[in-house]
All heavy atoms as atom14 arrays in JSON, in Angstrom:
{
  "sequence": "IKIFLALFFMLYSTKSFCSELISHIPENPNKALIMLHGWHQSGRGVS",
  "atom14_mask": [
    [1, 1, 1, 1, 1, 1, 1, 1, 0, 0, 0, 0, 0, 0],
    [1, 1, 1, 1, 1, 1, 1, 1, 1, 0, 0, 0, 0, 0],
    [1, 1, 1, 1, 1, 1, 1, 1, 0, 0, 0, 0, 0, 0],
    [1, 1, 1, 1, 1, 1, 1, 1, 1, 1, 1, 0, 0, 0],
    [1, 1, 1, 1, 1, 1, 1, 1, 0, 0, 0, 0, 0, 0],
    [1, 1, 1, 1, 1, 0, 0, 0, 0, 0, 0, 0, 0, 0],
    [1, 1, 1, 1, 1, 1, 1, 1, 0, 0, 0, 0, 0, 0],
    [1, 1, 1, 1, 1, 1, 1, 1, 1, 1, 1, 0, 0, 0],
    [1, 1, 1, 1, 1, 1, 1, 1, 1, 1, 1, 0, 0, 0],
    [1, 1, 1, 1, 1, 1, 1, 1, 0, 0, 0, 0, 0, 0],
    [1, 1, 1, 1, 1, 1, 1, 1, 0, 0, 0, 0, 0, 0],
    [1, 1, 1, 1, 1, 1, 1, 1, 1, 1, 1, 1, 0, 0],
    [1, 1, 1, 1, 1, 1, 0, 0, 0, 0, 0, 0, 0, 0],
    [1, 1, 1, 1, 1, 1, 1, 0, 0, 0, 0, 0, 0, 0],
    [1, 1, 1, 1, 1, 1, 1, 1, 1, 0, 0, 0, 0, 0],
    [1, 1, 1, 1, 1, 1, 0, 0, 0, 0, 0, 0, 0, 0],
    [1, 1, 1, 1, 1, 1, 1, 1, 1, 1, 1, 0, 0, 0],
    [1, 1, 1, 1, 1, 1, 0, 0, 0, 0, 0, 0, 0, 0],
    [1, 1, 1, 1, 1, 1, 0, 0, 0, 0, 0, 0, 0, 0],
    [1, 1, 1, 1, 1, 1, 1, 1, 1, 0, 0, 0, 0, 0],
    [1, 1, 1, 1, 1, 1, 1, 1, 0, 0, 0, 0, 0, 0],
    [1, 1, 1, 1, 1, 1, 1, 1, 0, 0, 0, 0, 0, 0],
    [1, 1, 1, 1, 1, 1, 0, 0, 0, 0, 0, 0, 0, 0],
    [1, 1, 1, 1, 1, 1, 1, 1, 1, 1, 0, 0, 0, 0],
    [1, 1, 1, 1, 1, 1, 1, 1, 0, 0, 0, 0, 0, 0],
    [1, 1, 1, 1, 1, 1, 1, 0, 0, 0, 0, 0, 0, 0],
    [1, 1, 1, 1, 1, 1, 1, 1, 1, 0, 0, 0, 0, 0],
    [1, 1, 1, 1, 1, 1, 1, 1, 0, 0, 0, 0, 0, 0],
    [1, 1, 1, 1, 1, 1, 1, 0, 0, 0, 0, 0, 0, 0],
    [1, 1, 1, 1, 1, 1, 1, 1, 0, 0, 0, 0, 0, 0],
    [1, 1, 1, 1, 1, 1, 1, 1, 1, 0, 0, 0, 0, 0],
    [1, 1, 1, 1, 1, 0, 0, 0, 0, 0, 0, 0, 0, 0],
    [1, 1, 1, 1, 1, 1, 1, 1, 0, 0, 0, 0, 0, 0],
    [1, 1, 1, 1, 1, 1, 1, 1, 0, 0, 0, 0, 0, 0],
    [1, 1, 1, 1, 1, 1, 1, 1, 0, 0, 0, 0, 0, 0],
    [1, 1, 1, 1, 1, 1, 1, 1, 0, 0, 0, 0, 0, 0],
    [1, 1, 1, 1, 1, 1, 1, 1, 1, 1, 0, 0, 0, 0],
    [1, 1, 1, 1, 0, 0, 0, 0, 0, 0, 0, 0, 0, 0],
    [1, 1, 1, 1, 1, 1, 1, 1, 1, 1, 1, 1, 1, 1],
    [1, 1, 1, 1, 1, 1, 1, 1, 1, 1, 0, 0, 0, 0],
    [1, 1, 1, 1, 1, 1, 1, 1, 1, 0, 0, 0, 0, 0],
    [1, 1, 1, 1, 1, 1, 0, 0, 0, 0, 0, 0, 0, 0],
    [1, 1, 1, 1, 0, 0, 0, 0, 0, 0, 0, 0, 0, 0],
    [1, 1, 1, 1, 1, 1, 1, 1, 1, 1, 1, 0, 0, 0],
    [1, 1, 1, 1, 0, 0, 0, 0, 0, 0, 0, 0, 0, 0],
    [1, 1, 1, 1, 1, 1, 1, 0, 0, 0, 0, 0, 0, 0],
    [1, 1, 1, 1, 1, 1, 0, 0, 0, 0, 0, 0, 0, 0]
  ],
  "atom14_positions": [
    [[81.93, 81.64, 85.92], [81.97, 82.26, 87.23], [83.45, 82.17, 87.84], [83.93, 83.23, 88.38], [80.96, 81.61, 88.25], [79.59, 81.87, 87.87], [81.2, 82.09, 89.67], [78.52, 81.05, 88.66], [0.0, 0.0, 0.0], [0.0, 0.0, 0.0], [0.0, 0.0, 0.0], [0.0, 0.0, 0.0], [0.0, 0.0, 0.0], [0.0, 0.0, 0.0]],
    [[84.09, 81.08, 87.57], [85.46, 80.87, 88.06], [86.37, 81.87, 87.34], [87.21, 82.56, 87.93], [85.98, 79.47, 87.79], [85.36, 78.47, 88.79], [85.99, 77.15, 88.47], [85.35, 76.04, 89.51], [85.94, 74.73, 89.25], [0.0, 0.0, 0.0], [0.0, 0.0, 0.0], [0.0, 0.0, 0.0], [0.0, 0.0, 0.0], [0.0, 0.0, 0.0]],
    [[86.14, 82.15, 86.04], [86.91, 83.16, 85.28], [86.7, 84.49, 85.75], [87.71, 85.24, 85.84], [86.68, 82.95, 83.73], [87.12, 81.62, 83.28], [87.37, 84.03, 83.02], [86.64, 81.29, 81.79], [0.0, 0.0, 0.0], [0.0, 0.0, 0.0], [0.0, 0.0, 0.0], [0.0, 0.0, 0.0], [0.0, 0.0, 0.0], [0.0, 0.0, 0.0]],
    [[85.48, 84.71, 86.0], [85.14, 86.12, 86.52], [85.8, 86.42, 87.82], [86.36, 87.49, 88.02], [83.58, 86.27, 86.73], [83.19, 87.52, 87.31], [83.06, 88.74, 86.57], [82.84, 87.54, 88.62], [82.79, 89.89, 87.2], [82.48, 88.8, 89.26], [82.44, 89.92, 88.47], [0.0, 0.0, 0.0], [0.0, 0.0, 0.0], [0.0, 0.0, 0.0]],
    [[85.65, 85.41, 88.76], [86.38, 85.6, 90.04], [87.8, 85.74, 90.04], [88.48, 86.51, 90.69], [85.94, 84.45, 91.01], [84.43, 84.36, 91.41], [84.17, 83.02, 92.16], [84.13, 85.53, 92.3], [0.0, 0.0, 0.0], [0.0, 0.0, 0.0], [0.0, 0.0, 0.0], [0.0, 0.0, 0.0], [0.0, 0.0, 0.0], [0.0, 0.0, 0.0]],
    [[88.4, 84.98, 89.12], [89.92, 85.05, 88.91], [90.25, 86.44, 88.55], [91.22, 87.02, 88.98], [90.39, 84.01, 87.91], [0.0, 0.0, 0.0], [0.0, 0.0, 0.0], [0.0, 0.0, 0.0], [0.0, 0.0, 0.0], [0.0, 0.0, 0.0], [0.0, 0.0, 0.0], [0.0, 0.0, 0.0], [0.0, 0.0, 0.0], [0.0, 0.0, 0.0]],
    [[89.58, 86.96, 87.47], [89.78, 88.34, 87.01], [89.66, 89.35, 88.11], [90.42, 90.31, 88.19], [88.96, 88.61, 85.77], [89.32, 87.83, 84.43], [88.27, 88.1, 83.5], [90.67, 88.32, 83.96], [0.0, 0.0, 0.0], [0.0, 0.0, 0.0], [0.0, 0.0, 0.0], [0.0, 0.0, 0.0], [0.0, 0.0, 0.0], [0.0, 0.0, 0.0]],
    [[88.5, 89.18, 88.87], [88.19, 90.11, 89.96], [89.37, 90.19, 90.95], [89.8, 91.29, 91.26], [86.89, 89.69, 90.68], [86.55, 90.53, 91.87], [85.82, 91.63, 91.56], [87.02, 90.25, 93.14], [85.53, 92.47, 92.76], [86.64, 91.07, 94.24], [85.87, 92.13, 94.07], [0.0, 0.0, 0.0], [0.0, 0.0, 0.0], [0.0, 0.0, 0.0]],
    [[89.85, 89.05, 91.42], [90.97, 89.0, 92.32], [92.25, 89.61, 91.75], [93.1, 90.21, 92.45], [91.16, 87.67, 93.04], [90.04, 87.31, 94.01], [89.12, 86.26, 93.68], [89.88, 87.97, 95.14], [88.15, 85.94, 94.57], [88.93, 87.64, 96.03], [88.07, 86.63, 95.86], [0.0, 0.0, 0.0], [0.0, 0.0, 0.0], [0.0, 0.0, 0.0]],
    [[92.47, 89.36, 90.48], [93.77, 89.82, 89.88], [93.65, 91.36, 89.86], [94.56, 92.09, 90.02], [93.8, 89.43, 88.37], [94.27, 87.95, 88.27], [94.18, 87.34, 86.63], [95.39, 88.42, 85.85], [0.0, 0.0, 0.0], [0.0, 0.0, 0.0], [0.0, 0.0, 0.0], [0.0, 0.0, 0.0], [0.0, 0.0, 0.0], [0.0, 0.0, 0.0]],
    [[92.44, 91.94, 89.59], [92.36, 93.4, 89.45], [92.4, 94.02, 90.88], [93.04, 95.16, 91.01], [90.99, 93.72, 88.85], [90.92, 93.54, 87.35], [89.52, 93.69, 86.79], [91.79, 94.42, 86.58], [0.0, 0.0, 0.0], [0.0, 0.0, 0.0], [0.0, 0.0, 0.0], [0.0, 0.0, 0.0], [0.0, 0.0, 0.0], [0.0, 0.0, 0.0]],
    [[91.8, 93.47, 91.87], [91.65, 94.14, 93.16], [92.49, 93.63, 94.23], [92.54, 94.13, 95.32], [90.12, 93.99, 93.62], [89.26, 94.81, 92.72], [88.57, 94.2, 91.62], [89.01, 96.18, 92.9], [87.81, 94.97, 90.77], [88.26, 96.96, 91.97], [87.67, 96.27, 91.0], [86.86, 97.01, 90.17], [0.0, 0.0, 0.0], [0.0, 0.0, 0.0]],
    [[93.4, 92.7, 93.91], [94.45, 92.37, 94.85], [95.56, 93.29, 94.83], [96.39, 93.28, 95.65], [95.0, 90.92, 94.49], [95.6, 90.87, 93.32], [0.0, 0.0, 0.0], [0.0, 0.0, 0.0], [0.0, 0.0, 0.0], [0.0, 0.0, 0.0], [0.0, 0.0, 0.0], [0.0, 0.0, 0.0], [0.0, 0.0, 0.0], [0.0, 0.0, 0.0]],
    [[95.6, 94.22, 93.86], [96.62, 95.29, 93.8], [96.01, 96.63, 93.91], [94.84, 96.89, 93.54], [97.43, 95.15, 92.37], [98.32, 96.2, 92.39], [96.44, 95.22, 91.23], [0.0, 0.0, 0.0], [0.0, 0.0, 0.0], [0.0, 0.0, 0.0], [0.0, 0.0, 0.0], [0.0, 0.0, 0.0], [0.0, 0.0, 0.0], [0.0, 0.0, 0.0]],
    [[96.82, 97.6, 94.37], [96.4, 99.02, 94.42], [96.86, 99.8, 93.27], [96.78, 101.03, 93.32], [96.8, 99.57, 95.74], [96.27, 98.94, 97.01], [96.79, 99.59, 98.19], [96.36, 100.95, 98.44], [96.9, 101.64, 99.7], [0.0, 0.0, 0.0], [0.0, 0.0, 0.0], [0.0, 0.0, 0.0], [0.0, 0.0, 0.0], [0.0, 0.0, 0.0]],
    [[97.22, 99.09, 92.21], [97.76, 99.87, 91.06], [96.58, 100.38, 90.18], [96.46, 100.02, 89.03], [98.65, 98.94, 90.3], [99.88, 98.76, 90.9], [0.0, 0.0, 0.0], [0.0, 0.0, 0.0], [0.0, 0.0, 0.0], [0.0, 0.0, 0.0], [0.0, 0.0, 0.0], [0.0, 0.0, 0.0], [0.0, 0.0, 0.0], [0.0, 0.0, 0.0]],
    [[95.76, 101.32, 90.74], [94.76, 101.99, 90.0], [94.51, 103.3, 90.57], [94.73, 103.48, 91.84], [93.6, 101.13, 89.84], [92.84, 100.78, 91.13], [91.89, 101.61, 91.68], [93.25, 99.64, 91.81], [91.29, 101.31, 92.84], [92.69, 99.34, 93.05], [91.72, 100.15, 93.58], [0.0, 0.0, 0.0], [0.0, 0.0, 0.0], [0.0, 0.0, 0.0]],
    [[94.11, 104.26, 89.81], [93.7, 105.48, 90.32], [92.17, 105.62, 90.53], [91.36, 104.79, 89.85], [93.92, 106.67, 89.28], [95.65, 106.8, 88.94], [0.0, 0.0, 0.0], [0.0, 0.0, 0.0], [0.0, 0.0, 0.0], [0.0, 0.0, 0.0], [0.0, 0.0, 0.0], [0.0, 0.0, 0.0], [0.0, 0.0, 0.0], [0.0, 0.0, 0.0]],
    [[91.69, 106.32, 91.44], [90.26, 106.41, 91.7], [89.58, 107.02, 90.47], [88.33, 106.69, 90.19], [90.04, 107.33, 92.97], [90.56, 106.64, 94.07], [0.0, 0.0, 0.0], [0.0, 0.0, 0.0], [0.0, 0.0, 0.0], [0.0, 0.0, 0.0], [0.0, 0.0, 0.0], [0.0, 0.0, 0.0], [0.0, 0.0, 0.0], [0.0, 0.0, 0.0]],
    [[90.21, 107.91, 89.76], [89.59, 108.57, 88.61], [90.77, 109.13, 87.75], [91.78, 109.58, 88.45], [88.64, 109.62, 88.97], [87.99, 110.29, 87.81], [86.97, 111.42, 88.32], [87.41, 112.14, 89.3], [85.97, 111.56, 87.75], [0.0, 0.0, 0.0], [0.0, 0.0, 0.0], [0.0, 0.0, 0.0], [0.0, 0.0, 0.0], [0.0, 0.0, 0.0]],
    [[90.56, 109.2, 86.56], [91.59, 109.86, 85.68], [90.98, 110.88, 84.73], [90.14, 110.47, 83.94], [92.41, 108.88, 84.87], [93.5, 109.47, 83.92], [94.58, 110.12, 84.7], [94.1, 108.31, 83.12], [0.0, 0.0, 0.0], [0.0, 0.0, 0.0], [0.0, 0.0, 0.0], [0.0, 0.0, 0.0], [0.0, 0.0, 0.0], [0.0, 0.0, 0.0]],
    [[91.22, 112.18, 84.88], [90.75, 113.21, 83.93], [91.83, 113.46, 82.99], [93.07, 113.56, 83.29], [90.47, 114.49, 84.71], [89.5, 114.23, 85.82], [89.93, 115.56, 83.79], [88.1, 113.76, 85.4], [0.0, 0.0, 0.0], [0.0, 0.0, 0.0], [0.0, 0.0, 0.0], [0.0, 0.0, 0.0], [0.0, 0.0, 0.0], [0.0, 0.0, 0.0]],
    [[91.57, 113.63, 81.75], [92.6, 113.93, 80.76], [92.07, 114.82, 79.62], [90.9, 114.94, 79.42], [93.11, 112.64, 80.05], [91.99, 111.93, 79.43], [0.0, 0.0, 0.0], [0.0, 0.0, 0.0], [0.0, 0.0, 0.0], [0.0, 0.0, 0.0], [0.0, 0.0, 0.0], [0.0, 0.0, 0.0], [0.0, 0.0, 0.0], [0.0, 0.0, 0.0]],
    [[93.08, 115.5, 79.07], [92.8, 116.39, 77.86], [93.89, 116.0, 76.86], [95.05, 116.26, 77.1], [92.95, 117.9, 78.2], [92.97, 118.69, 76.97], [91.85, 119.03, 76.22], [93.99, 119.34, 76.27], [92.14, 119.78, 75.24], [93.45, 119.97, 75.23], [0.0, 0.0, 0.0], [0.0, 0.0, 0.0], [0.0, 0.0, 0.0], [0.0, 0.0, 0.0]],
    [[93.48, 115.38, 75.76], [94.49, 114.8, 74.77], [94.21, 115.43, 73.42], [93.17, 115.13, 72.76], [94.35, 113.28, 74.66], [94.54, 112.67, 76.07], [95.44, 112.75, 73.77], [94.23, 111.1, 76.15], [0.0, 0.0, 0.0], [0.0, 0.0, 0.0], [0.0, 0.0, 0.0], [0.0, 0.0, 0.0], [0.0, 0.0, 0.0], [0.0, 0.0, 0.0]],
    [[95.11, 116.33, 72.96], [94.88, 116.94, 71.63], [95.21, 115.9, 70.53], [95.75, 114.8, 70.85], [95.98, 118.05, 71.63], [96.98, 117.57, 72.56], [96.3, 116.8, 73.56], [0.0, 0.0, 0.0], [0.0, 0.0, 0.0], [0.0, 0.0, 0.0], [0.0, 0.0, 0.0], [0.0, 0.0, 0.0], [0.0, 0.0, 0.0], [0.0, 0.0, 0.0]],
    [[95.0, 116.27, 69.36], [95.23, 115.37, 68.22], [96.77, 115.19, 68.09], [97.49, 116.23, 68.04], [94.73, 115.84, 66.95], [94.78, 114.89, 65.8], [94.02, 115.36, 64.5], [93.33, 116.34, 64.65], [94.15, 114.69, 63.47], [0.0, 0.0, 0.0], [0.0, 0.0, 0.0], [0.0, 0.0, 0.0], [0.0, 0.0, 0.0], [0.0, 0.0, 0.0]],
    [[97.26, 113.94, 68.05], [98.76, 113.67, 67.77], [99.57, 114.42, 68.79], [100.49, 115.17, 68.43], [99.15, 114.05, 66.41], [98.29, 113.24, 65.41], [98.12, 112.0, 65.49], [98.02, 113.83, 64.3], [0.0, 0.0, 0.0], [0.0, 0.0, 0.0], [0.0, 0.0, 0.0], [0.0, 0.0, 0.0], [0.0, 0.0, 0.0], [0.0, 0.0, 0.0]],
    [[99.4, 114.23, 70.11], [100.35, 114.9, 71.09], [101.73, 114.36, 71.05], [101.93, 113.21, 70.67], [99.69, 114.6, 72.36], [99.04, 113.2, 72.21], [98.49, 113.33, 70.75], [0.0, 0.0, 0.0], [0.0, 0.0, 0.0], [0.0, 0.0, 0.0], [0.0, 0.0, 0.0], [0.0, 0.0, 0.0], [0.0, 0.0, 0.0], [0.0, 0.0, 0.0]],
    [[102.69, 115.25, 71.24], [104.02, 114.77, 71.22], [104.76, 114.88, 72.67], [105.95, 114.52, 72.83], [104.98, 115.43, 70.23], [104.95, 117.0, 70.4], [104.66, 117.56, 71.45], [105.18, 117.72, 69.27], [0.0, 0.0, 0.0], [0.0, 0.0, 0.0], [0.0, 0.0, 0.0], [0.0, 0.0, 0.0], [0.0, 0.0, 0.0], [0.0, 0.0, 0.0]],
    [[103.98, 115.43, 73.63], [104.48, 115.55, 75.01], [103.23, 115.3, 75.86], [102.04, 115.3, 75.52], [105.03, 116.95, 75.25], [106.3, 117.22, 74.56], [106.84, 118.59, 74.94], [108.16, 118.79, 74.18], [108.72, 120.13, 74.38], [0.0, 0.0, 0.0], [0.0, 0.0, 0.0], [0.0, 0.0, 0.0], [0.0, 0.0, 0.0], [0.0, 0.0, 0.0]],
    [[103.53, 114.95, 77.18], [102.49, 114.7, 78.22], [102.86, 115.39, 79.46], [104.07, 115.38, 79.81], [102.14, 113.25, 78.3], [0.0, 0.0, 0.0], [0.0, 0.0, 0.0], [0.0, 0.0, 0.0], [0.0, 0.0, 0.0], [0.0, 0.0, 0.0], [0.0, 0.0, 0.0], [0.0, 0.0, 0.0], [0.0, 0.0, 0.0], [0.0, 0.0, 0.0]],
    [[101.85, 115.82, 80.21], [102.1, 116.29, 81.54], [101.12, 115.66, 82.52], [99.93, 115.72, 82.28], [101.93, 117.9, 81.62], [101.87, 118.46, 83.05], [103.31, 118.4, 83.6], [101.5, 119.97, 83.0], [0.0, 0.0, 0.0], [0.0, 0.0, 0.0], [0.0, 0.0, 0.0], [0.0, 0.0, 0.0], [0.0, 0.0, 0.0], [0.0, 0.0, 0.0]],
    [[101.59, 115.03, 83.57], [100.85, 114.47, 84.65], [100.85, 115.41, 85.74], [101.95, 115.76, 86.23], [101.39, 113.06, 85.01], [101.48, 112.14, 83.88], [100.54, 112.49, 86.21], [102.24, 110.82, 84.17], [0.0, 0.0, 0.0], [0.0, 0.0, 0.0], [0.0, 0.0, 0.0], [0.0, 0.0, 0.0], [0.0, 0.0, 0.0], [0.0, 0.0, 0.0]],
    [[99.71, 115.76, 86.2], [99.58, 116.72, 87.38], [98.85, 116.1, 88.54], [97.76, 115.54, 88.38], [98.82, 118.02, 87.02], [98.69, 118.99, 88.14], [100.34, 119.82, 88.57], [99.89, 120.63, 90.04], [0.0, 0.0, 0.0], [0.0, 0.0, 0.0], [0.0, 0.0, 0.0], [0.0, 0.0, 0.0], [0.0, 0.0, 0.0], [0.0, 0.0, 0.0]],
    [[99.59, 116.01, 89.71], [99.07, 115.33, 90.93], [98.49, 116.35, 91.96], [99.19, 117.27, 92.21], [100.2, 114.56, 91.52], [100.93, 113.57, 90.59], [102.08, 112.87, 91.31], [100.02, 112.61, 89.98], [0.0, 0.0, 0.0], [0.0, 0.0, 0.0], [0.0, 0.0, 0.0], [0.0, 0.0, 0.0], [0.0, 0.0, 0.0], [0.0, 0.0, 0.0]],
    [[97.37, 116.04, 92.46], [96.68, 116.84, 93.49], [97.26, 116.65, 94.75], [98.08, 115.75, 95.13], [95.15, 116.55, 93.51], [94.86, 115.21, 93.85], [94.83, 114.73, 95.26], [94.58, 114.01, 93.22], [94.49, 113.48, 95.23], [94.36, 112.98, 94.05], [0.0, 0.0, 0.0], [0.0, 0.0, 0.0], [0.0, 0.0, 0.0], [0.0, 0.0, 0.0]],
    [[96.81, 117.57, 95.75], [97.25, 117.47, 97.12], [96.31, 116.77, 97.98], [95.32, 116.16, 97.53], [0.0, 0.0, 0.0], [0.0, 0.0, 0.0], [0.0, 0.0, 0.0], [0.0, 0.0, 0.0], [0.0, 0.0, 0.0], [0.0, 0.0, 0.0], [0.0, 0.0, 0.0], [0.0, 0.0, 0.0], [0.0, 0.0, 0.0], [0.0, 0.0, 0.0]],
    [[96.49, 116.69, 99.31], [95.7, 115.99, 100.23], [94.34, 116.56, 100.33], [94.08, 117.8, 100.32], [96.35, 116.29, 101.61], [95.87, 115.25, 102.7], [95.96, 113.93, 102.69], [95.34, 115.61, 103.93], [95.48, 113.34, 103.81], [95.04, 114.37, 104.69], [95.06, 116.79, 104.56], [94.62, 114.45, 105.94], [94.57, 116.76, 105.87], [94.33, 115.59, 106.49]],
    [[93.38, 115.63, 100.4], [91.94, 115.92, 100.31], [91.33, 116.39, 99.19], [90.21, 116.91, 99.07], [91.56, 116.96, 101.54], [91.09, 116.27, 102.84], [90.04, 115.66, 103.12], [91.94, 116.19, 104.0], [89.95, 115.26, 104.31], [91.15, 115.55, 104.93], [0.0, 0.0, 0.0], [0.0, 0.0, 0.0], [0.0, 0.0, 0.0], [0.0, 0.0, 0.0]],
    [[92.24, 116.39, 98.03], [91.68, 116.88, 96.77], [91.51, 115.73, 95.82], [91.4, 114.56, 96.29], [92.77, 117.86, 96.21], [92.99, 119.04, 97.0], [94.03, 120.02, 96.46], [94.95, 119.65, 95.74], [93.83, 121.3, 96.7], [0.0, 0.0, 0.0], [0.0, 0.0, 0.0], [0.0, 0.0, 0.0], [0.0, 0.0, 0.0], [0.0, 0.0, 0.0]],
    [[91.34, 116.03, 94.53], [91.14, 114.97, 93.47], [91.73, 115.55, 92.14], [92.09, 116.77, 92.13], [89.69, 114.68, 93.24], [88.96, 115.71, 92.64], [0.0, 0.0, 0.0], [0.0, 0.0, 0.0], [0.0, 0.0, 0.0], [0.0, 0.0, 0.0], [0.0, 0.0, 0.0], [0.0, 0.0, 0.0], [0.0, 0.0, 0.0], [0.0, 0.0, 0.0]],
    [[91.85, 114.69, 91.26], [92.29, 115.15, 89.86], [91.49, 116.3, 89.25], [91.97, 117.18, 88.71], [0.0, 0.0, 0.0], [0.0, 0.0, 0.0], [0.0, 0.0, 0.0], [0.0, 0.0, 0.0], [0.0, 0.0, 0.0], [0.0, 0.0, 0.0], [0.0, 0.0, 0.0], [0.0, 0.0, 0.0], [0.0, 0.0, 0.0], [0.0, 0.0, 0.0]],
    [[90.15, 116.21, 89.57], [89.27, 117.31, 89.05], [89.65, 118.76, 89.69], [89.46, 119.7, 89.08], [87.86, 116.99, 89.4], [87.24, 115.86, 88.49], [85.8, 115.57, 88.79], [85.32, 114.41, 88.08], [84.91, 114.52, 86.71], [84.94, 115.66, 86.22], [84.49, 113.39, 86.04], [0.0, 0.0, 0.0], [0.0, 0.0, 0.0], [0.0, 0.0, 0.0]],
    [[90.05, 118.64, 90.87], [90.47, 119.84, 91.57], [91.67, 120.65, 90.93], [91.77, 121.83, 91.22], [0.0, 0.0, 0.0], [0.0, 0.0, 0.0], [0.0, 0.0, 0.0], [0.0, 0.0, 0.0], [0.0, 0.0, 0.0], [0.0, 0.0, 0.0], [0.0, 0.0, 0.0], [0.0, 0.0, 0.0], [0.0, 0.0, 0.0], [0.0, 0.0, 0.0]],
    [[92.41, 120.0, 90.19], [93.59, 120.65, 89.54], [93.53, 120.7, 88.03], [94.4, 121.17, 87.29], [94.89, 120.01, 89.99], [95.28, 120.31, 91.39], [94.97, 118.45, 89.73], [0.0, 0.0, 0.0], [0.0, 0.0, 0.0], [0.0, 0.0, 0.0], [0.0, 0.0, 0.0], [0.0, 0.0, 0.0], [0.0, 0.0, 0.0], [0.0, 0.0, 0.0]],
    [[92.4, 120.06, 87.52], [92.2, 120.03, 86.09], [92.03, 121.32, 85.43], [92.15, 121.42, 84.18], [91.06, 119.04, 85.75], [89.94, 119.49, 86.26], [0.0, 0.0, 0.0], [0.0, 0.0, 0.0], [0.0, 0.0, 0.0], [0.0, 0.0, 0.0], [0.0, 0.0, 0.0], [0.0, 0.0, 0.0], [0.0, 0.0, 0.0], [0.0, 0.0, 0.0]]
  ]
}
């Protein structure tokens, strides 16, 4: 239980996570594009 709580607080004491991540990854990609949505939208809205 102590280990679980420690991990929980490590994960959720920071905001370094996205609410959701949609991706399309071809075989052996050599480039990447990150596209960011606007206000009131989500990643799905620009996917």
